[in-house]
C-alpha atoms as a PDB file:
ATOM      1  CA  MET A   1     -73.568  27.291  24.856  1.00  0.00           C
ATOM      2  CA  LYS A   2     -74.978  24.936  27.494  1.00  0.00           C
ATOM      3  CA  VAL A   3     -76.889  21.790  26.628  1.00  0.00           C
ATOM      4  CA  PRO A   4     -80.563  21.610  27.677  1.00  0.00           C
ATOM      5  CA  GLY A   5     -81.442  19.569  30.767  1.00  0.00           C
ATOM      6  CA  PHE A   6     -82.063  15.837  30.425  1.00  0.00           C
ATOM      7  CA  GLU A   7     -82.360  12.604  32.363  1.00  0.00           C
ATOM      8  CA  TYR A   8     -79.447  10.189  32.139  1.00  0.00           C
ATOM      9  CA  ALA A   9     -79.836   6.411  31.924  1.00  0.00           C
ATOM     10  CA  GLU A  10     -77.220   3.652  32.254  1.00  0.00           C
ATOM     11  CA  PRO A  11     -78.740   0.407  30.953  1.00  0.00           C
ATOM     12  CA  GLU A  12     -77.197  -2.889  32.032  1.00  0.00           C
ATOM     13  CA  SER A  13     -77.892  -4.727  28.776  1.00  0.00           C
ATOM     14  CA  ILE A  14     -78.577  -4.024  25.126  1.00  0.00           C
ATOM     15  CA  SER A  15     -82.144  -5.255  25.658  1.00  0.00           C
ATOM     16  CA  GLU A  16     -82.722  -2.755  28.480  1.00  0.00           C
ATOM     17  CA  CYS A  17     -81.224  -0.004  26.345  1.00  0.00           C
ATOM     18  CA  CYS A  18     -83.614  -0.745  23.483  1.00  0.00           C
ATOM     19  CA  LYS A  19     -86.619  -0.900  25.812  1.00  0.00           C
ATOM     20  CA  LEU A  20     -85.783   2.518  27.264  1.00  0.00           C
ATOM     21  CA  LEU A  21     -85.429   4.046  23.813  1.00  0.00           C
ATOM     22  CA  GLU A  22     -88.653   2.416  22.631  1.00  0.00           C
ATOM     23  CA  GLU A  23     -90.659   3.586  25.647  1.00  0.00           C
ATOM     24  CA  GLN A  24     -89.396   7.168  25.402  1.00  0.00           C
ATOM     25  CA  GLY A  25     -89.677   7.381  21.608  1.00  0.00           C
ATOM     26  CA  VAL A  26     -88.620  10.763  20.210  1.00  0.00           C
ATOM     27  CA  ASN A  27     -87.950  11.996  23.762  1.00  0.00           C
ATOM     28  CA  ALA A  28     -84.811   9.820  24.100  1.00  0.00           C
ATOM     29  CA  ARG A  29     -81.498   9.582  22.280  1.00  0.00           C
ATOM     30  CA  ALA A  30     -78.718   7.036  22.506  1.00  0.00           C
ATOM     31  CA  ILE A  31     -75.295   8.530  23.159  1.00  0.00           C
ATOM     32  CA  ALA A  32     -71.869   6.991  22.651  1.00  0.00           C
ATOM     33  CA  GLY A  33     -68.915   9.309  21.946  1.00  0.00           C
ATOM     34  CA  GLY A  34     -71.301  12.241  21.571  1.00  0.00           C
ATOM     35  CA  THR A  35     -69.125  14.174  19.108  1.00  0.00           C
ATOM     36  CA  ASN A  36     -72.087  14.775  16.792  1.00  0.00           C
ATOM     37  CA  LEU A  37     -74.959  14.676  19.268  1.00  0.00           C
ATOM     38  CA  MET A  38     -73.579  17.210  21.744  1.00  0.00           C
ATOM     39  CA  MET A  39     -73.372  19.916  19.088  1.00  0.00           C
ATOM     40  CA  THR A  40     -76.982  19.319  18.080  1.00  0.00           C
ATOM     41  CA  LEU A  41     -77.997  19.616  21.738  1.00  0.00           C
ATOM     42  CA  LYS A  42     -76.077  22.857  22.194  1.00  0.00           C
ATOM     43  CA  ASN A  43     -77.654  24.295  19.059  1.00  0.00           C
ATOM     44  CA  ARG A  44     -81.119  23.137  20.213  1.00  0.00           C
ATOM     45  CA  LEU A  45     -81.590  21.169  17.024  1.00  0.00           C
ATOM     46  CA  LYS A  46     -82.670  18.223  19.174  1.00  0.00           C
ATOM     47  CA  VAL A  47     -83.916  18.527  22.752  1.00  0.00           C
ATOM     48  CA  PRO A  48     -84.389  14.996  24.151  1.00  0.00           C
ATOM     49  CA  LYS A  49     -85.641  14.467  27.695  1.00  0.00           C
ATOM     50  CA  MET A  50     -83.387  11.434  28.205  1.00  0.00           C
ATOM     51  CA  LEU A  51     -79.932  10.313  27.047  1.00  0.00           C
ATOM     52  CA  VAL A  52     -79.245   6.571  27.149  1.00  0.00           C
ATOM     53  CA  ASP A  53     -75.529   5.854  27.549  1.00  0.00           C
ATOM     54  CA  LEU A  54     -74.292   3.005  25.351  1.00  0.00           C
ATOM     55  CA  PHE A  55     -70.818   2.981  26.911  1.00  0.00           C
ATOM     56  CA  CYS A  56     -72.280   0.954  29.785  1.00  0.00           C
ATOM     57  CA  LEU A  57     -72.289  -2.007  27.377  1.00  0.00           C
ATOM     58  CA  PRO A  58     -68.670  -3.227  27.027  1.00  0.00           C
ATOM     59  CA  GLU A  59     -69.704  -6.066  24.707  1.00  0.00           C
ATOM     60  CA  LEU A  60     -70.178  -3.437  21.989  1.00  0.00           C
ATOM     61  CA  ASN A  61     -66.551  -2.294  22.267  1.00  0.00           C
ATOM     62  CA  GLN A  62     -64.731  -5.254  20.722  1.00  0.00           C
ATOM     63  CA  ILE A  63     -63.022  -6.113  17.432  1.00  0.00           C
ATOM     64  CA  ARG A  64     -62.967  -9.738  16.261  1.00  0.00           C
ATOM     65  CA  TYR A  65     -61.657 -11.356  13.080  1.00  0.00           C
ATOM     66  CA  SER A  66     -61.665 -14.838  11.598  1.00  0.00           C
ATOM     67  CA  GLU A  67     -60.853 -16.137   8.120  1.00  0.00           C
ATOM     68  CA  GLU A  68     -64.309 -17.698   7.884  1.00  0.00           C
ATOM     69  CA  GLU A  69     -66.468 -14.795   9.072  1.00  0.00           C
ATOM     70  CA  GLY A  70     -64.312 -11.761   8.378  1.00  0.00           C
ATOM     71  CA  LEU A  71     -64.216  -8.636  10.545  1.00  0.00           C
ATOM     72  CA  ASN A  72     -66.701  -7.864  13.319  1.00  0.00           C
ATOM     73  CA  VAL A  73     -66.499  -4.401  14.901  1.00  0.00           C
ATOM     74  CA  GLY A  74     -68.647  -3.415  17.862  1.00  0.00           C
ATOM     75  CA  ALA A  75     -70.545  -0.152  17.439  1.00  0.00           C
ATOM     76  CA  LEU A  76     -68.700   1.463  20.375  1.00  0.00           C
ATOM     77  CA  VAL A  77     -65.186   0.918  19.008  1.00  0.00           C
ATOM     78  CA  SER A  78     -63.576   4.336  18.664  1.00  0.00           C
ATOM     79  CA  LEU A  79     -62.253   5.491  15.317  1.00  0.00           C
ATOM     80  CA  ARG A  80     -58.756   5.738  16.781  1.00  0.00           C
ATOM     81  CA  HIS A  81     -58.815   2.145  18.044  1.00  0.00           C
ATOM     82  CA  LEU A  82     -60.275   0.968  14.736  1.00  0.00           C
ATOM     83  CA  ALA A  83     -57.439   2.593  12.788  1.00  0.00           C
ATOM     84  CA  ALA A  84     -54.785   1.260  15.201  1.00  0.00           C
ATOM     85  CA  ASN A  85     -55.974  -2.356  15.117  1.00  0.00           C
ATOM     86  CA  ALA A  86     -53.385  -4.603  13.437  1.00  0.00           C
ATOM     87  CA  VAL A  87     -55.966  -6.691  11.549  1.00  0.00           C
ATOM     88  CA  VAL A  88     -57.751  -3.614  10.217  1.00  0.00           C
ATOM     89  CA  ARG A  89     -54.473  -2.001   9.134  1.00  0.00           C
ATOM     90  CA  GLY A  90     -53.281  -5.187   7.460  1.00  0.00           C
ATOM     91  CA  LYS A  91     -56.420  -6.536   5.811  1.00  0.00           C
ATOM     92  CA  TYR A  92     -58.662  -3.459   5.518  1.00  0.00           C
ATOM     93  CA  PRO A  93     -56.254  -0.505   5.076  1.00  0.00           C
ATOM     94  CA  ILE A  94     -58.918   1.560   3.312  1.00  0.00           C
ATOM     95  CA  LEU A  95     -61.050   1.420   6.482  1.00  0.00           C
ATOM     96  CA  ALA A  96     -58.132   2.434   8.713  1.00  0.00           C
ATOM     97  CA  ARG A  97     -57.348   5.331   6.369  1.00  0.00           C
ATOM     98  CA  ALA A  98     -60.935   6.592   6.385  1.00  0.00           C
ATOM     99  CA  ALA A  99     -61.101   6.445  10.198  1.00  0.00           C
ATOM    100  CA  LEU A 100     -58.027   8.682  10.401  1.00  0.00           C
ATOM    101  CA  ASP A 101     -59.605  11.127   7.941  1.00  0.00           C
ATOM    102  CA  VAL A 102     -62.512  11.845  10.307  1.00  0.00           C
ATOM    103  CA  GLY A 103     -62.311  15.189  12.100  1.00  0.00           C
ATOM    104  CA  SER A 104     -59.308  15.607  14.376  1.00  0.00           C
ATOM    105  CA  PRO A 105     -57.379  13.241  16.713  1.00  0.00           C
ATOM    106  CA  GLN A 106     -59.622  14.340  19.595  1.00  0.00           C
ATOM    107  CA  ILE A 107     -62.773  13.489  17.626  1.00  0.00           C
ATOM    108  CA  GLN A 108     -61.275  10.160  16.524  1.00  0.00           C
ATOM    109  CA  ALA A 109     -60.534   9.306  20.148  1.00  0.00           C
ATOM    110  CA  MET A 110     -64.158   9.922  21.220  1.00  0.00           C
ATOM    111  CA  GLY A 111     -66.163   9.176  18.081  1.00  0.00           C
ATOM    112  CA  THR A 112     -67.317   5.596  17.454  1.00  0.00           C
ATOM    113  CA  ILE A 113     -67.871   3.591  14.296  1.00  0.00           C
ATOM    114  CA  GLY A 114     -71.585   3.236  15.095  1.00  0.00           C
ATOM    115  CA  GLY A 115     -71.958   6.933  15.762  1.00  0.00           C
ATOM    116  CA  ASN A 116     -70.165   7.847  12.546  1.00  0.00           C
ATOM    117  CA  LEU A 117     -72.479   5.638  10.503  1.00  0.00           C
ATOM    118  CA  CYS A 118     -75.557   7.068  12.256  1.00  0.00           C
ATOM    119  CA  GLN A 119     -74.625  10.752  12.108  1.00  0.00           C
ATOM    120  CA  ASP A 120     -77.233  13.221  10.945  1.00  0.00           C
ATOM    121  CA  THR A 121     -77.221  14.966   7.577  1.00  0.00           C
ATOM    122  CA  CYS A 122     -75.657  18.439   7.369  1.00  0.00           C
ATOM    123  CA  CYS A 123     -76.809  21.750   5.946  1.00  0.00           C
ATOM    124  CA  LEU A 124     -75.479  25.291   6.153  1.00  0.00           C
ATOM    125  CA  TYR A 125     -78.956  26.538   7.095  1.00  0.00           C
ATOM    126  CA  TYR A 126     -79.676  23.839   9.673  1.00  0.00           C
ATOM    127  CA  ASN A 127     -76.445  23.299  11.608  1.00  0.00           C
ATOM    128  CA  ARG A 128     -76.373  26.707  13.265  1.00  0.00           C
ATOM    129  CA  PRO A 129     -77.141  28.132  16.728  1.00  0.00           C
ATOM    130  CA  PRO A 130     -80.729  29.314  17.426  1.00  0.00           C
ATOM    131  CA  MET A 131     -79.830  33.015  17.262  1.00  0.00           C
ATOM    132  CA  TRP A 132     -78.354  32.600  13.760  1.00  0.00           C
ATOM    133  CA  ARG A 133     -81.531  30.862  12.570  1.00  0.00           C
ATOM    134  CA  GLN A 134     -83.930  33.516  13.935  1.00  0.00           C
ATOM    135  CA  GLY A 135     -84.043  35.392  10.655  1.00  0.00           C
ATOM    136  CA  LEU A 136     -84.962  32.300   8.657  1.00  0.00           C
ATOM    137  CA  GLU A 137     -88.277  30.531   8.265  1.00  0.00           C
ATOM    138  CA  PRO A 138     -88.085  26.985   9.728  1.00  0.00           C
ATOM    139  CA  CYS A 139     -86.927  24.503   7.104  1.00  0.00           C
ATOM    140  CA  HIS A 140     -88.214  20.976   6.474  1.00  0.00           C
ATOM    141  CA  LYS A 141     -85.688  19.525   8.923  1.00  0.00           C
ATOM    142  CA  LEU A 142     -86.893  21.903  11.656  1.00  0.00           C
ATOM    143  CA  GLY A 143     -90.583  21.190  11.113  1.00  0.00           C
ATOM    144  CA  GLY A 144     -91.251  23.869   8.491  1.00  0.00           C
ATOM    145  CA  ASP A 145     -92.136  23.551   4.836  1.00  0.00           C
ATOM    146  CA  VAL A 146     -89.278  25.302   3.013  1.00  0.00           C
ATOM    147  CA  CYS A 147     -85.787  24.344   1.864  1.00  0.00           C
ATOM    148  CA  HIS A 148     -83.306  27.217   2.028  1.00  0.00           C
ATOM    149  CA  ALA A 149     -80.697  25.323   0.035  1.00  0.00           C
ATOM    150  CA  ILE A 150     -83.052  24.701  -2.919  1.00  0.00           C
ATOM    151  CA  PRO A 151     -85.900  27.247  -2.796  1.00  0.00           C
ATOM    152  CA  GLY A 152     -89.226  25.738  -3.764  1.00  0.00           C
ATOM    153  CA  SER A 153     -88.192  22.156  -2.962  1.00  0.00           C
ATOM    154  CA  LYS A 154     -90.860  20.131  -1.179  1.00  0.00           C
ATOM    155  CA  THR A 155     -88.232  17.881   0.396  1.00  0.00           C
ATOM    156  CA  CYS A 156     -85.149  18.395   2.560  1.00  0.00           C
ATOM    157  CA  TRP A 157     -81.786  18.436   0.788  1.00  0.00           C
ATOM    158  CA  ALA A 158     -79.507  18.171   3.822  1.00  0.00           C
ATOM    159  CA  THR A 159     -76.409  16.199   2.779  1.00  0.00           C
ATOM    160  CA  TYR A 160     -74.930  13.033   4.238  1.00  0.00           C
ATOM    161  CA  CYS A 161     -71.221  13.652   4.961  1.00  0.00           C
ATOM    162  CA  GLY A 162     -69.917  10.602   6.827  1.00  0.00           C
ATOM    163  CA  ASP A 163     -66.489   9.178   5.931  1.00  0.00           C
ATOM    164  CA  LEU A 164     -66.903   5.525   6.941  1.00  0.00           C
ATOM    165  CA  ALA A 165     -70.189   4.742   5.187  1.00  0.00           C
ATOM    166  CA  PRO A 166     -68.878   4.850   1.577  1.00  0.00           C
ATOM    167  CA  VAL A 167     -65.851   2.755   2.554  1.00  0.00           C
ATOM    168  CA  LEU A 168     -67.974   0.146   4.302  1.00  0.00           C
ATOM    169  CA  LEU A 169     -70.411   0.101   1.377  1.00  0.00           C
ATOM    170  CA  VAL A 170     -67.664  -0.841  -1.075  1.00  0.00           C
ATOM    171  CA  LEU A 171     -66.441  -3.433   1.446  1.00  0.00           C
ATOM    172  CA  ARG A 172     -69.958  -4.999   1.377  1.00  0.00           C
ATOM    173  CA  ALA A 173     -70.510  -4.435   5.069  1.00  0.00           C
ATOM    174  CA  ARG A 174     -73.589  -5.508   6.966  1.00  0.00           C
ATOM    175  CA  ILE A 175     -74.766  -4.183  10.310  1.00  0.00           C
ATOM    176  CA  GLY A 176     -76.314  -5.846  13.311  1.00  0.00           C
ATOM    177  CA  VAL A 177     -79.385  -3.961  14.548  1.00  0.00           C
ATOM    178  CA  ALA A 178     -80.812  -4.685  17.994  1.00  0.00           C
ATOM    179  CA  ASP A 179     -84.236  -3.866  19.432  1.00  0.00           C
ATOM    180  CA  SER A 180     -86.348  -5.045  22.358  1.00  0.00           C
ATOM    181  CA  LYS A 181     -87.437  -8.144  20.394  1.00  0.00           C
ATOM    182  CA  GLY A 182     -83.967  -9.325  19.392  1.00  0.00           C
ATOM    183  CA  GLU A 183     -81.413  -8.715  16.660  1.00  0.00           C
ATOM    184  CA  LYS A 184     -81.200  -8.767  12.877  1.00  0.00           C
ATOM    185  CA  VAL A 185     -78.460  -8.274  10.291  1.00  0.00           C
ATOM    186  CA  ILE A 186     -79.051  -6.043   7.262  1.00  0.00           C
ATOM    187  CA  PRO A 187     -76.902  -4.640   4.435  1.00  0.00           C
ATOM    188  CA  LEU A 188     -75.436  -1.273   5.415  1.00  0.00           C
ATOM    189  CA  SER A 189     -77.230   0.381   2.493  1.00  0.00           C
ATOM    190  CA  GLU A 190     -80.576  -0.337   4.194  1.00  0.00           C
ATOM    191  CA  LEU A 191     -79.617   1.902   7.124  1.00  0.00           C
ATOM    192  CA  TYR A 192     -80.070   5.009   4.954  1.00  0.00           C
ATOM    193  CA  SER A 193     -83.448   6.322   3.837  1.00  0.00           C
ATOM    194  CA  GLY A 194     -82.334   8.890   1.254  1.00  0.00           C
ATOM    195  CA  ASP A 195     -84.425  11.508   3.103  1.00  0.00           C
ATOM    196  CA  GLY A 196     -82.391  14.505   4.276  1.00  0.00           C
ATOM    197  CA  LYS A 197     -84.928  15.226   7.003  1.00  0.00           C
ATOM    198  CA  ALA A 198     -84.782  11.718   8.527  1.00  0.00           C
ATOM    199  CA  PRO A 199     -81.694  10.053   7.018  1.00  0.00           C
ATOM    200  CA  LEU A 200     -81.789   6.766   8.970  1.00  0.00           C
ATOM    201  CA  THR A 201     -84.290   3.910   8.760  1.00  0.00           C
ATOM    202  CA  LEU A 202     -83.833   3.012  12.449  1.00  0.00           C
ATOM    203  CA  GLN A 203     -87.093   2.987  14.401  1.00  0.00           C
ATOM    204  CA  PRO A 204     -87.479   4.089  18.055  1.00  0.00           C
ATOM    205  CA  GLY A 205     -85.866   1.398  20.193  1.00  0.00           C
ATOM    206  CA  GLN A 206     -83.413   0.226  17.516  1.00  0.00           C
ATOM    207  CA  VAL A 207     -79.644   0.683  17.791  1.00  0.00           C
ATOM    208  CA  VAL A 208     -76.709  -0.378  15.647  1.00  0.00           C
ATOM    209  CA  LYS A 209     -74.878  -3.093  17.593  1.00  0.00           C
ATOM    210  CA  GLU A 210     -72.021  -4.094  15.273  1.00  0.00           C
ATOM    211  CA  VAL A 211     -70.538  -3.865  11.799  1.00  0.00           C
ATOM    212  CA  GLN A 212     -69.702  -7.034   9.871  1.00  0.00           C
ATOM    213  CA  VAL A 213     -67.226  -6.928   6.963  1.00  0.00           C
ATOM    214  CA  PRO A 214     -66.428  -9.961   4.757  1.00  0.00           C
ATOM    215  CA  GLY A 215     -62.817 -11.038   4.401  1.00  0.00           C
ATOM    216  CA  PRO A 216     -60.821  -9.353   1.623  1.00  0.00           C
ATOM    217  CA  SER A 217     -60.479 -11.025  -1.771  1.00  0.00           C
ATOM    218  CA  ALA A 218     -57.157 -12.126  -3.187  1.00  0.00           C
ATOM    219  CA  HIS A 219     -55.493  -9.602  -5.537  1.00  0.00           C
ATOM    220  CA  SER A 220     -57.689  -6.802  -4.180  1.00  0.00           C
ATOM    221  CA  GLY A 221     -57.038  -3.158  -3.320  1.00  0.00           C
ATOM    222  CA  GLY A 222     -58.871  -0.035  -2.277  1.00  0.00           C
ATOM    223  CA  ALA A 223     -58.580   3.705  -1.743  1.00  0.00           C
ATOM    224  CA  TYR A 224     -60.488   6.497  -0.025  1.00  0.00           C
ATOM    225  CA  LEU A 225     -59.965  10.103  -1.118  1.00  0.00           C
ATOM    226  CA  LYS A 226     -61.496  13.101   0.639  1.00  0.00           C
ATOM    227  CA  LEU A 227     -61.958  16.630  -0.680  1.00  0.00           C
ATOM    228  CA  ARG A 228     -62.089  19.323   2.027  1.00  0.00           C
ATOM    229  CA  VAL A 229     -60.834  22.826   2.655  1.00  0.00           C
ATOM    230  CA  ARG A 230     -58.749  21.996   5.753  1.00  0.00           C
ATOM    231  CA  LYS A 231     -56.732  18.833   6.299  1.00  0.00           C
ATOM    232  CA  THR A 232     -58.436  18.149   9.635  1.00  0.00           C
ATOM    233  CA  VAL A 233     -61.797  18.820  11.293  1.00  0.00           C
ATOM    234  CA  ASP A 234     -63.793  19.408   8.084  1.00  0.00           C
ATOM    235  CA  TYR A 235     -66.551  17.141   6.820  1.00  0.00           C
ATOM    236  CA  PRO A 236     -65.967  15.849   3.280  1.00  0.00           C
ATOM    237  CA  LEU A 237     -67.162  18.143   0.511  1.00  0.00           C
ATOM    238  CA  LEU A 238     -66.642  15.000  -1.550  1.00  0.00           C
ATOM    239  CA  GLY A 239     -65.470  11.553  -0.517  1.00  0.00           C
ATOM    240  CA  VAL A 240     -64.717   8.719  -2.958  1.00  0.00           C
ATOM    241  CA  ALA A 241     -64.220   5.090  -1.903  1.00  0.00           C
ATOM    242  CA  VAL A 242     -63.128   2.363  -4.341  1.00  0.00           C
ATOM    243  CA  THR A 243     -62.381  -1.333  -3.927  1.00  0.00           C
ATOM    244  CA  LEU A 244     -61.559  -3.741  -6.740  1.00  0.00           C
ATOM    245  CA  ALA A 245     -60.263  -7.253  -7.281  1.00  0.00           C
ATOM    246  CA  LEU A 246     -58.248  -8.564 -10.191  1.00  0.00           C
ATOM    247  CA  GLU A 247     -58.448 -12.029 -11.730  1.00  0.00           C
ATOM    248  CA  GLY A 248     -55.279 -13.904 -10.838  1.00  0.00           C
ATOM    249  CA  ALA A 249     -52.117 -12.917 -12.659  1.00  0.00           C
ATOM    250  CA  HIS A 250     -53.928 -11.603 -15.749  1.00  0.00           C
ATOM    251  CA  GLY A 251     -55.038  -8.274 -14.345  1.00  0.00           C
ATOM    252  CA  ILE A 252     -58.610  -8.725 -15.608  1.00  0.00           C
ATOM    253  CA  LEU A 253     -61.145  -6.869 -13.492  1.00  0.00           C
ATOM    254  CA  LYS A 254     -62.977  -9.398 -11.365  1.00  0.00           C
ATOM    255  CA  ASP A 255     -64.973  -6.950  -9.268  1.00  0.00           C
ATOM    256  CA  VAL A 256     -65.185  -3.211  -8.561  1.00  0.00           C
ATOM    257  CA  LYS A 257     -67.223  -1.045  -6.202  1.00  0.00           C
ATOM    258  CA  VAL A 258     -67.382   2.763  -6.037  1.00  0.00           C
ATOM    259  CA  ALA A 259     -69.224   4.872  -3.448  1.00  0.00           C
ATOM    260  CA  LEU A 260     -69.450   8.609  -2.775  1.00  0.00           C
ATOM    261  CA  THR A 261     -70.224  10.806   0.215  1.00  0.00           C
ATOM    262  CA  GLY A 262     -70.893  14.528   0.584  1.00  0.00           C
ATOM    263  CA  VAL A 263     -72.875  14.765  -2.658  1.00  0.00           C
ATOM    264  CA  GLU A 264     -76.324  13.338  -1.839  1.00  0.00           C
ATOM    265  CA  LYS A 265     -78.824  12.818   0.963  1.00  0.00           C
ATOM    266  CA  ALA A 266     -77.333   9.355   1.608  1.00  0.00           C
ATOM    267  CA  PRO A 267     -74.015   7.661   0.846  1.00  0.00           C
ATOM    268  CA  LEU A 268     -74.108   6.834  -2.838  1.00  0.00           C
ATOM    269  CA  LEU A 269     -73.140   3.464  -4.341  1.00  0.00           C
ATOM    270  CA  ILE A 270     -72.384   3.857  -8.063  1.00  0.00           C
ATOM    271  CA  GLU A 271     -74.630   1.573 -10.068  1.00  0.00           C
ATOM    272  CA  ALA A 272     -72.488   1.160 -13.197  1.00  0.00           C
ATOM    273  CA  ALA A 273     -69.643  -0.582 -11.379  1.00  0.00           C
ATOM    274  CA  ASP A 274     -71.158  -4.072 -11.672  1.00  0.00           C
ATOM    275  CA  GLU A 275     -71.365  -3.744 -15.472  1.00  0.00           C
ATOM    276  CA  LEU A 276     -67.572  -3.597 -15.800  1.00  0.00           C
ATOM    277  CA  LYS A 277     -66.712  -7.009 -14.358  1.00  0.00           C
ATOM    278  CA  GLY A 278     -64.410  -8.940 -16.691  1.00  0.00           C
ATOM    279  CA  GLU A 279     -63.252  -5.828 -18.522  1.00  0.00           C
ATOM    280  CA  LYS A 280     -59.588  -5.925 -19.662  1.00  0.00           C
ATOM    281  CA  ASP A 281     -59.283  -2.319 -20.844  1.00  0.00           C
ATOM    282  CA  THR A 282     -58.152  -0.380 -17.765  1.00  0.00           C
ATOM    283  CA  ASP A 283     -58.668   3.034 -19.342  1.00  0.00           C
ATOM    284  CA  LYS A 284     -62.225   2.116 -20.298  1.00  0.00           C
ATOM    285  CA  VAL A 285     -62.992   0.974 -16.758  1.00  0.00           C
ATOM    286  CA  ILE A 286     -61.690   4.188 -15.248  1.00  0.00           C
ATOM    287  CA  GLU A 287     -63.557   6.497 -17.611  1.00  0.00           C
ATOM    288  CA  ARG A 288     -66.837   4.577 -17.327  1.00  0.00           C
ATOM    289  CA  LEU A 289     -66.687   4.703 -13.554  1.00  0.00           C
ATOM    290  CA  ALA A 290     -65.730   8.382 -13.496  1.00  0.00           C
ATOM    291  CA  GLU A 291     -68.582   9.327 -15.819  1.00  0.00           C
ATOM    292  CA  ALA A 292     -71.163   7.219 -13.982  1.00  0.00           C
ATOM    293  CA  ALA A 293     -70.164   8.760 -10.654  1.00  0.00           C
ATOM    294  CA  TYR A 294     -70.308  12.257 -12.129  1.00  0.00           C
ATOM    295  CA  LYS A 295     -73.866  11.680 -13.382  1.00  0.00           C
ATOM    296  CA  GLN A 296     -75.116  10.335 -10.039  1.00  0.00           C
ATOM    297  CA  ALA A 297     -73.505  13.013  -7.843  1.00  0.00           C
ATOM    298  CA  HIS A 298     -75.620  16.063  -6.959  1.00  0.00           C
ATOM    299  CA  PRO A 299     -73.725  18.368  -4.594  1.00  0.00           C
ATOM    300  CA  ILE A 300     -75.655  21.518  -3.707  1.00  0.00           C
ATOM    301  CA  ASN A 301     -74.888  24.922  -2.228  1.00  0.00           C
ATOM    302  CA  ASN A 302     -75.558  24.102   1.425  1.00  0.00           C
ATOM    303  CA  THR A 303     -72.033  24.159   2.837  1.00  0.00           C
ATOM    304  CA  TYR A 304     -69.078  26.505   3.226  1.00  0.00           C
ATOM    305  CA  GLY A 305     -66.060  26.109   0.987  1.00  0.00           C
ATOM    306  CA  LEU A 306     -66.153  25.014  -2.618  1.00  0.00           C
ATOM    307  CA  THR A 307     -68.918  25.544  -5.161  1.00  0.00           C
ATOM    308  CA  PRO A 308     -71.247  22.688  -6.142  1.00  0.00           C
ATOM    309  CA  LYS A 309     -69.931  22.823  -9.722  1.00  0.00           C
ATOM    310  CA  TYR A 310     -66.327  22.450  -8.591  1.00  0.00           C
ATOM    311  CA  ARG A 311     -67.217  19.600  -6.240  1.00  0.00           C
ATOM    312  CA  ARG A 312     -69.079  17.785  -9.007  1.00  0.00           C
ATOM    313  CA  ASP A 313     -66.249  18.335 -11.498  1.00  0.00           C
ATOM    314  CA  MET A 314     -63.859  16.858  -8.943  1.00  0.00           C
ATOM    315  CA  VAL A 315     -65.902  13.645  -8.822  1.00  0.00           C
ATOM    316  CA  ARG A 316     -64.330  12.528 -12.103  1.00  0.00           C
ATOM    317  CA  VAL A 317     -60.832  13.486 -10.898  1.00  0.00           C
ATOM    318  CA  TYR A 318     -61.148  11.702  -7.556  1.00  0.00           C
ATOM    319  CA  VAL A 319     -62.714   8.551  -9.009  1.00  0.00           C
ATOM    320  CA  ARG A 320     -59.939   8.251 -11.579  1.00  0.00           C
ATOM    321  CA  SER A 321     -57.287   8.689  -8.905  1.00  0.00           C
ATOM    322  CA  ALA A 322     -58.958   6.272  -6.473  1.00  0.00           C
ATOM    323  CA  VAL A 323     -59.280   3.561  -9.142  1.00  0.00           C
ATOM    324  CA  HIS A 324     -55.627   3.978 -10.137  1.00  0.00           C
ATOM    325  CA  ARG A 325     -54.531   3.686  -6.505  1.00  0.00           C
ATOM    326  CA  SER A 326     -56.756   0.654  -5.957  1.00  0.00           C
ATOM    327  CA  MET A 327     -55.278  -1.102  -8.991  1.00  0.00           C
ATOM    328  CA  GLU A 328     -51.749  -0.351  -7.803  1.00  0.00           C
ATOM    329  CA  ALA A 329     -52.607  -1.787  -4.383  1.00  0.00           C
ATOM    330  CA  ALA A 330     -54.174  -4.907  -5.926  1.00  0.00           C
ATOM    331  CA  ILE A 331     -51.158  -5.496  -8.183  1.00  0.00           C
ATOM    332  CA  LYS A 332     -48.745  -5.007  -5.300  1.00  0.00           C
ATOM    333  CA  LYS A 333     -50.746  -7.292  -3.013  1.00  0.00           C
ATOM    334  CA  GLY A 334     -51.221 -10.095  -5.523  1.00  0.00           C
ATOM    335  CA  GLY A 335     -48.085  -9.829  -7.571  1.00  0.00           C
ATOM    336  CA  VAL A 336     -50.161  -9.275 -10.729  1.00  0.00           C
ATOM    337  CA  ALA A 337     -48.006  -8.606 -13.781  1.00  0.00           C
END
C-alpha cells in the first residue's frame, strides 16, 4: 500500500525543526528511522501534510560516556549501533540486550532509540489497513467513542509495547526534550501520559533530543526478558526489566527497580520495589516483587497470540527469573559471596 502524499522538510538545526513542527501542528510529523511511522502512513492511521526529517541533524546521532555524567545517547542513534557500542555492552548490558530484542536486524538497523521510546500504542483493532477496519465503528483512537478491546469503556485501551522504555526506566534514565524556546531535561516516566489514545506528553514542536543514563552502581546487575510468539519481529506480549544493586560483600539488597511493558497503556514501573531496600531474605524479595508486578499488570485481549490470563500469569514467572538473573550478574560483577 502506498503512503499518502506529503511535503518533505530538511531542517538545518534542531531549533528550525521544532519551529516547523510547531507551526504545522497536527499536520506535521517528525521522522527518523520511520519503522513505526511508515506503517501508520500506509494504513492511513495518520495522514500528515509534512514530514520533518531528523536525520539532517548529525548532532543527534552520537554516543558519549563519562564517569561523572554517565551515558548520553542521541535520539537518532540506531538500535544496532547502540547494541554494538563497547561502553553500552560493558556497562549497560541490559540496554544492549533490549536493543537486540527489538524487531528484526533490518528494523534494528533503521530504528532509533528516540523513535522506539516515542512509538505509538498498539491495538488489534487499530493497527490494521483501512479496508479491514470498514466493518468496525471508529474507536477512541480513530476519533470515535467506542473501545473494541473493552466494550463499554469510555477510554482507549491501546497498549504500549516498546522494549527500551522499561529498561531505561529501571536505569533511571532522563530525556532531553527540545522545542523552539530551548531545551529541558525530564525523567523518562514523564514522557508517557498513560492515555492509550495519546500516549506521549510531547506537545507540537517538541522532540526528544537525547537520552541520559546515570553510571552503573557497584555490585549491580540487570536483566530484560521478553515474552512473544516468534523470536524476532514480534512486539512484546510481556516485557520485564530488572536492575538491582547489592551492598558490598554482604549481598544485602541496596536497591531494586522493576518495570513492565506490553501490559498497560504506558510502560509500568512497579511501585513496591522501593519498599524492599535493605532486605536480606532473597526469596522474600523475589516473591514480593513478583506479586506486586502481577497486581499492577493488566494485559487485555487486543493482540494476536497469547491470552491475557496467560500473559498476566507469566508476569510472576518472568519477574522471578529476571530478579534471579540480575542477582547472579551483580554477584559476578562485584565478587559478592
